[in-house]
């Protein structure tokens, strides 16, 4: 794969890592449902600016539109609510690490998906190692009987499953350009997320400057620009390679959590993070194959 694609994947992971910091600030004043609704609405608006500036045309095949609604729900509305929900009880850095398990859930989903990438021995081992790391990471919550933390961790893991489903489902849109996919799917997510947020959380009240800044930051940088890049990269690098940006996302999330939010990690958390990264190394496979003995 060309070096420029790796550079874009790394940049994507760093920007997505910022989203966990934004979530942590946003949930101080608005509900997770409104975090999702606000994020997809701003993201959609920016994508439509690109859409019209590039003079794109809407697809004429109306059968695509219900599929784009599914994409919007899986890739945006649901996980964008699950992650801030998780951060109500779990540190943003740890939620970022759970997000880093997306390649593992992608391997599982791709194995079962018709025409998906089949798991190799190293990917299978990586999945097992990764989930052992997740158990280690979650063990303090089980030990303290903190059921809310366990629910938060499961919510974050469910969000990675949404992403894994998306990475396989989105391959059907390979003939549609990225501004069109992003604009339509984000709009579909907004049309669903806003009524749901109104129904269950009422009208949001935002009084803090940092809340507005975080909302626009997560909507513009961590959503519209990022997903325009995702849909452009996906057909070029494949679902599993693209999901490896999550090597960078947890590092970014951890650093921001420690430096900005002053989060602290227990030794057991660090151990779990290391094990999950080891699982990612096996899924990636390059280092593993380099140190494997060559056949005689």
Protein backbone atom coordinates (compact mmCIF):
# COMPACT_ATOMS: atom_id res chain seq x y z
CA UNK A 1 0.00 0.00 0.00
CA UNK A 2 1.45 3.47 -0.89
CA UNK A 3 3.00 5.46 1.95
CA UNK A 4 0.60 8.39 1.41
CA UNK A 5 -2.34 6.12 2.27
CA UNK A 6 -0.68 5.11 5.54
CA UNK A 7 -0.13 8.79 6.35
CA UNK A 8 -3.83 9.50 5.80
CA UNK A 9 -4.87 6.52 7.95
CA UNK A 10 -2.62 7.74 10.78
CA UNK A 11 -4.00 11.29 10.52
CA UNK A 12 -7.52 9.89 10.57
CA UNK A 13 -6.81 7.99 13.77
CA UNK A 14 -5.36 11.07 15.47
CA UNK A 15 -8.38 13.22 14.59
CA UNK A 16 -10.80 10.53 15.77
CA UNK A 17 -8.91 10.32 19.05
CA UNK A 18 -9.89 13.96 19.65
CA UNK A 19 -13.57 12.96 19.50
CA UNK A 20 -13.34 11.26 22.91
CA UNK A 21 -12.10 14.50 24.47
CA UNK A 22 -14.94 16.39 22.76
CA UNK A 23 -17.46 13.81 24.05
CA UNK A 24 -16.18 14.18 27.61
CA UNK A 25 -16.72 17.94 27.46
CA UNK A 26 -20.12 17.70 25.76
CA UNK A 27 -21.72 15.26 28.22
CA UNK A 28 -21.13 17.77 31.02
CA UNK A 29 -24.01 19.79 29.59
CA UNK A 30 -25.97 17.74 27.02
CA UNK A 31 -27.15 14.14 26.77
CA UNK A 32 -25.39 11.47 24.66
CA UNK A 33 -28.37 11.51 22.28
CA UNK A 34 -27.86 15.22 21.66
CA UNK A 35 -24.13 14.70 21.23
CA UNK A 36 -24.97 12.31 18.40
CA UNK A 37 -27.69 14.53 16.92
CA UNK A 38 -25.55 17.68 17.03
CA UNK A 39 -22.52 15.90 15.64
CA UNK A 40 -24.30 14.42 12.62
CA UNK A 41 -26.20 17.64 11.91
CA UNK A 42 -23.06 19.78 11.78
CA UNK A 43 -21.21 17.06 9.91
CA UNK A 44 -23.97 16.84 7.31
CA UNK A 45 -24.04 20.62 6.82
CA UNK A 46 -20.28 20.74 6.12
CA UNK A 47 -20.50 17.78 3.74
CA UNK A 48 -23.28 19.50 1.76
CA UNK A 49 -20.99 22.52 1.35
CA UNK A 50 -18.42 20.20 -0.27
CA UNK A 51 -21.15 18.48 -2.27
CA UNK A 52 -22.42 21.68 -3.88
CA UNK A 53 -18.96 23.25 -4.23
CA UNK A 54 -17.85 20.20 -6.24
CA UNK A 55 -21.12 20.31 -8.24
CA UNK A 56 -21.98 16.72 -7.46
CA UNK A 57 -25.30 15.20 -8.46
CA UNK A 58 -27.64 13.07 -6.37
CA UNK A 59 -27.87 9.38 -7.29
CA UNK A 60 -30.78 8.62 -9.60
CA UNK A 61 -31.21 5.06 -8.32
CA UNK A 62 -33.74 5.49 -5.50
CA UNK A 63 -32.99 2.00 -4.21
CA UNK A 64 -29.80 3.44 -2.74
CA UNK A 65 -31.56 5.79 -0.35
CA UNK A 66 -32.92 3.20 2.12
CA UNK A 67 -29.45 1.65 2.15
CA UNK A 68 -27.92 5.04 2.96
CA UNK A 69 -30.31 5.38 5.90
CA UNK A 70 -29.00 2.07 7.25
CA UNK A 71 -25.44 3.32 6.72
CA UNK A 72 -26.23 6.56 8.55
CA UNK A 73 -27.62 4.71 11.54
CA UNK A 74 -24.80 2.15 11.76
CA UNK A 75 -21.91 4.48 11.11
CA UNK A 76 -23.09 7.64 12.81
CA UNK A 77 -26.26 7.91 14.85
CA UNK A 78 -25.87 4.79 17.00
CA UNK A 79 -22.11 4.74 17.75
CA UNK A 80 -22.01 8.53 18.19
CA UNK A 81 -24.52 8.11 21.02
CA UNK A 82 -22.94 4.96 22.48
CA UNK A 83 -19.47 6.45 22.98
CA UNK A 84 -20.56 9.51 25.01
CA UNK A 85 -22.96 7.25 26.92
CA UNK A 86 -19.96 5.09 27.84
CA UNK A 87 -17.94 8.14 28.87
CA UNK A 88 -20.51 8.99 31.52
CA UNK A 89 -19.00 6.20 33.65
CA UNK A 90 -15.71 5.28 31.93
CA UNK A 91 -12.64 7.47 31.34
CA UNK A 92 -12.40 8.87 27.81
CA UNK A 93 -8.97 7.29 27.27
CA UNK A 94 -10.29 3.82 28.13
CA UNK A 95 -13.27 4.31 25.80
CA UNK A 96 -10.76 5.29 23.13
CA UNK A 97 -8.91 2.03 23.73
CA UNK A 98 -12.13 0.04 23.40
CA UNK A 99 -12.71 1.87 20.12
CA UNK A 100 -9.28 0.53 19.17
CA UNK A 101 -10.80 -2.94 19.13
CA UNK A 102 -12.62 -2.12 15.89
CA UNK A 103 -10.14 -4.20 13.82
CA UNK A 104 -10.98 -7.21 16.01
CA UNK A 105 -14.72 -6.89 15.62
CA UNK A 106 -14.09 -6.21 11.92
CA UNK A 107 -12.25 -9.51 11.57
CA UNK A 108 -15.18 -11.35 13.14
CA UNK A 109 -17.82 -9.59 11.04
CA UNK A 110 -15.79 -9.87 7.83
CA UNK A 111 -15.42 -13.61 8.40
CA UNK A 112 -19.20 -14.01 8.49
CA UNK A 113 -20.03 -11.36 5.88
CA UNK A 114 -20.79 -12.66 2.37
CA UNK A 115 -17.73 -11.90 0.26
CA UNK A 116 -15.89 -10.47 3.28
CA UNK A 117 -12.19 -10.81 4.03
CA UNK A 118 -11.52 -14.21 5.58
CA UNK A 119 -9.53 -14.45 8.80
CA UNK A 120 -5.96 -15.71 8.69
CA UNK A 121 -4.28 -17.48 11.59
CA UNK A 122 -2.60 -14.28 12.83
CA UNK A 123 -5.87 -12.32 12.72
CA UNK A 124 -7.65 -15.07 14.67
CA UNK A 125 -4.94 -15.00 17.34
CA UNK A 126 -5.12 -11.18 17.39
CA UNK A 127 -8.86 -11.27 18.05
CA UNK A 128 -8.40 -13.67 20.98
CA UNK A 129 -5.56 -11.59 22.45
CA UNK A 130 -7.57 -8.38 21.99
CA UNK A 131 -10.59 -9.67 23.86
CA UNK A 132 -8.36 -10.95 26.67
CA UNK A 133 -7.00 -7.39 26.87
CA UNK A 134 -10.54 -6.02 27.01
CA UNK A 135 -11.35 -8.34 29.91
CA UNK A 136 -8.21 -7.18 31.73
CA UNK A 137 -9.14 -3.56 31.03
CA UNK A 138 -12.64 -4.11 32.39
CA UNK A 139 -11.60 -6.19 35.41
CA UNK A 140 -11.47 -3.28 37.92
CA UNK A 141 -15.11 -2.52 37.15
CA UNK A 142 -16.08 -6.14 37.80
CA UNK A 143 -14.04 -6.21 40.99
CA UNK A 144 -15.66 -3.09 42.39
CA UNK A 145 -19.11 -4.25 41.39
CA UNK A 146 -19.49 -1.04 39.39
CA UNK A 147 -22.27 -2.21 37.09
CA UNK A 148 -22.53 1.23 35.47
CA UNK A 149 -18.92 0.97 34.31
CA UNK A 150 -19.52 -2.51 32.91
CA UNK A 151 -22.54 -1.21 30.97
CA UNK A 152 -20.44 1.69 29.69
CA UNK A 153 -17.69 -0.65 28.48
CA UNK A 154 -20.24 -2.87 26.74
CA UNK A 155 -21.77 0.20 25.08
CA UNK A 156 -18.36 1.20 23.73
CA UNK A 157 -17.77 -2.35 22.48
CA UNK A 158 -21.19 -2.31 20.79
CA UNK A 159 -20.13 0.87 18.98
CA UNK A 160 -17.10 -0.95 17.53
CA UNK A 161 -19.46 -3.64 16.27
CA UNK A 162 -21.44 -0.92 14.46
CA UNK A 163 -18.22 0.24 12.81
CA UNK A 164 -17.28 -3.30 11.83
CA UNK A 165 -20.67 -3.80 10.20
CA UNK A 166 -20.29 -0.45 8.45
CA UNK A 167 -16.85 -1.22 7.00
CA UNK A 168 -18.32 -4.27 5.28
CA UNK A 169 -21.72 -2.80 4.43
CA UNK A 170 -20.20 0.34 2.86
CA UNK A 171 -18.42 -1.64 0.15
CA UNK A 172 -21.66 -1.63 -1.84
CA UNK A 173 -21.22 2.12 -2.34
CA UNK A 174 -17.78 1.85 -3.97
CA UNK A 175 -19.06 3.39 -7.21
CA UNK A 176 -20.41 6.50 -5.45
CA UNK A 177 -18.05 9.37 -4.62
CA UNK A 178 -17.28 10.16 -0.99
CA UNK A 179 -18.98 13.62 -0.76
CA UNK A 180 -22.26 12.08 -1.93
CA UNK A 181 -22.12 9.13 0.46
CA UNK A 182 -21.11 11.26 3.45
CA UNK A 183 -23.69 14.00 2.77
CA UNK A 184 -26.61 11.64 2.30
CA UNK A 185 -25.79 9.19 5.09
CA UNK A 186 -25.07 11.95 7.63
CA UNK A 187 -28.32 13.68 6.68
CA UNK A 188 -30.20 10.41 7.13
CA UNK A 189 -28.59 10.02 10.56
CA UNK A 190 -29.59 13.58 11.52
CA UNK A 191 -33.20 13.07 10.41
CA UNK A 192 -33.42 10.09 12.77
CA UNK A 193 -31.21 11.30 15.64
CA UNK A 194 -32.85 14.71 16.18
CA UNK A 195 -36.41 13.42 16.79
CA UNK A 196 -35.07 10.64 19.03
CA UNK A 197 -33.05 13.15 21.07
CA UNK A 198 -36.07 15.46 21.40
CA UNK A 199 -38.27 12.57 22.47
CA UNK A 200 -35.98 11.16 25.14
CA UNK A 201 -33.87 14.17 26.23
CA UNK A 202 -36.00 17.23 25.49
CA UNK A 203 -34.63 20.49 24.14
CA UNK A 204 -30.91 20.93 24.95
CA UNK A 205 -29.66 24.00 26.79
CA UNK A 206 -26.05 24.98 26.08
CA UNK A 207 -24.54 27.79 28.15
CA UNK A 208 -20.80 27.08 28.07
CA UNK A 209 -18.39 28.21 25.36
CA UNK A 210 -16.39 24.98 25.58
CA UNK A 211 -19.54 22.99 24.82
CA UNK A 212 -20.12 24.91 21.58
CA UNK A 213 -16.44 24.63 20.63
CA UNK A 214 -16.47 20.87 21.28
CA UNK A 215 -19.70 20.43 19.32
CA UNK A 216 -18.32 22.21 16.27
CA UNK A 217 -14.95 20.50 16.66
CA UNK A 218 -16.48 17.04 16.73
CA UNK A 219 -18.92 17.89 13.95
CA UNK A 220 -16.42 19.46 11.56
CA UNK A 221 -13.10 17.68 12.14
CA UNK A 222 -14.05 14.34 13.70
CA UNK A 223 -17.09 13.81 11.48
CA UNK A 224 -17.40 15.57 8.12
CA UNK A 225 -13.74 15.85 7.13
CA UNK A 226 -12.91 12.42 8.60
CA UNK A 227 -15.71 10.50 6.93
CA UNK A 228 -15.19 12.21 3.58
CA UNK A 229 -11.70 10.77 3.83
CA UNK A 230 -12.97 7.37 4.98
CA UNK A 231 -15.21 6.82 1.98
CA UNK A 232 -12.43 7.93 -0.34
CA UNK A 233 -9.92 5.57 1.27
CA UNK A 234 -12.12 2.49 1.79
CA UNK A 235 -12.15 1.16 -1.80
CA UNK A 236 -8.43 1.87 -2.11
CA UNK A 237 -7.10 0.18 1.03
CA UNK A 238 -9.81 -2.30 2.14
CA UNK A 239 -11.87 -2.60 5.33
CA UNK A 240 -9.22 -4.22 7.54
CA UNK A 241 -6.39 -1.86 6.56
CA UNK A 242 -8.63 1.16 7.05
CA UNK A 243 -9.69 -0.02 10.48
CA UNK A 244 -6.01 0.02 11.54
CA UNK A 245 -6.29 3.79 12.04
CA UNK A 246 -7.49 2.68 15.47
CA UNK A 247 -3.87 1.97 16.38
CA UNK A 248 -3.57 5.75 16.56
CA UNK A 249 -7.01 6.64 17.92
CA UNK A 250 -6.48 5.15 21.43
CA UNK A 251 -3.04 6.74 21.73
CA UNK A 252 -4.53 10.13 20.86
CA UNK A 253 -7.47 9.57 23.22
CA UNK A 254 -5.22 8.51 26.11
CA UNK A 255 -2.83 11.45 25.70
CA UNK A 256 -5.65 13.98 25.55
CA UNK A 257 -7.42 12.32 28.49
CA UNK A 258 -4.29 12.56 30.64
CA UNK A 259 -3.07 15.99 29.52
CA UNK A 260 -6.41 17.82 29.25
CA UNK A 261 -8.87 15.92 31.45
CA UNK A 262 -6.26 14.76 34.00
CA UNK A 263 -7.44 11.15 33.84
CA UNK A 264 -5.45 8.54 35.74
CA UNK A 265 -5.00 4.90 34.87
CA UNK A 266 -4.47 1.96 37.18
CA UNK A 267 -1.67 -0.52 36.48
CA UNK A 268 -4.29 -3.10 35.45
CA UNK A 269 -5.63 -0.63 32.85
CA UNK A 270 -2.15 -0.18 31.40
CA UNK A 271 -1.76 -3.97 31.22
CA UNK A 272 -5.05 -4.30 29.37
CA UNK A 273 -4.06 -1.55 26.93
CA UNK A 274 -0.75 -3.29 26.19
CA UNK A 275 -2.49 -6.62 25.56
CA UNK A 276 -5.00 -5.01 23.20
CA UNK A 277 -2.18 -3.39 21.25
CA UNK A 278 -0.47 -6.78 21.04
CA UNK A 279 -3.67 -8.15 19.54
CA UNK A 280 -3.66 -5.32 17.00
CA UNK A 281 -0.08 -6.19 16.06
CA UNK A 282 -1.15 -9.77 15.31
CA UNK A 283 -4.13 -8.61 13.26
CA UNK A 284 -1.94 -6.25 11.26
CA UNK A 285 0.44 -9.16 10.66
CA UNK A 286 3.42 -7.30 9.24
CA UNK A 287 5.63 -7.49 12.34
CA UNK A 288 4.52 -11.06 13.03
CA UNK A 289 5.46 -12.22 9.52
CA UNK A 290 8.78 -10.39 9.70
CA UNK A 291 9.85 -12.42 12.73
CA UNK A 292 8.35 -15.70 11.54
CA UNK A 293 10.96 -18.24 10.42
CA UNK A 294 11.14 -18.48 6.63
CA UNK A 295 10.46 -21.87 5.05
CA UNK A 296 13.61 -23.70 4.03
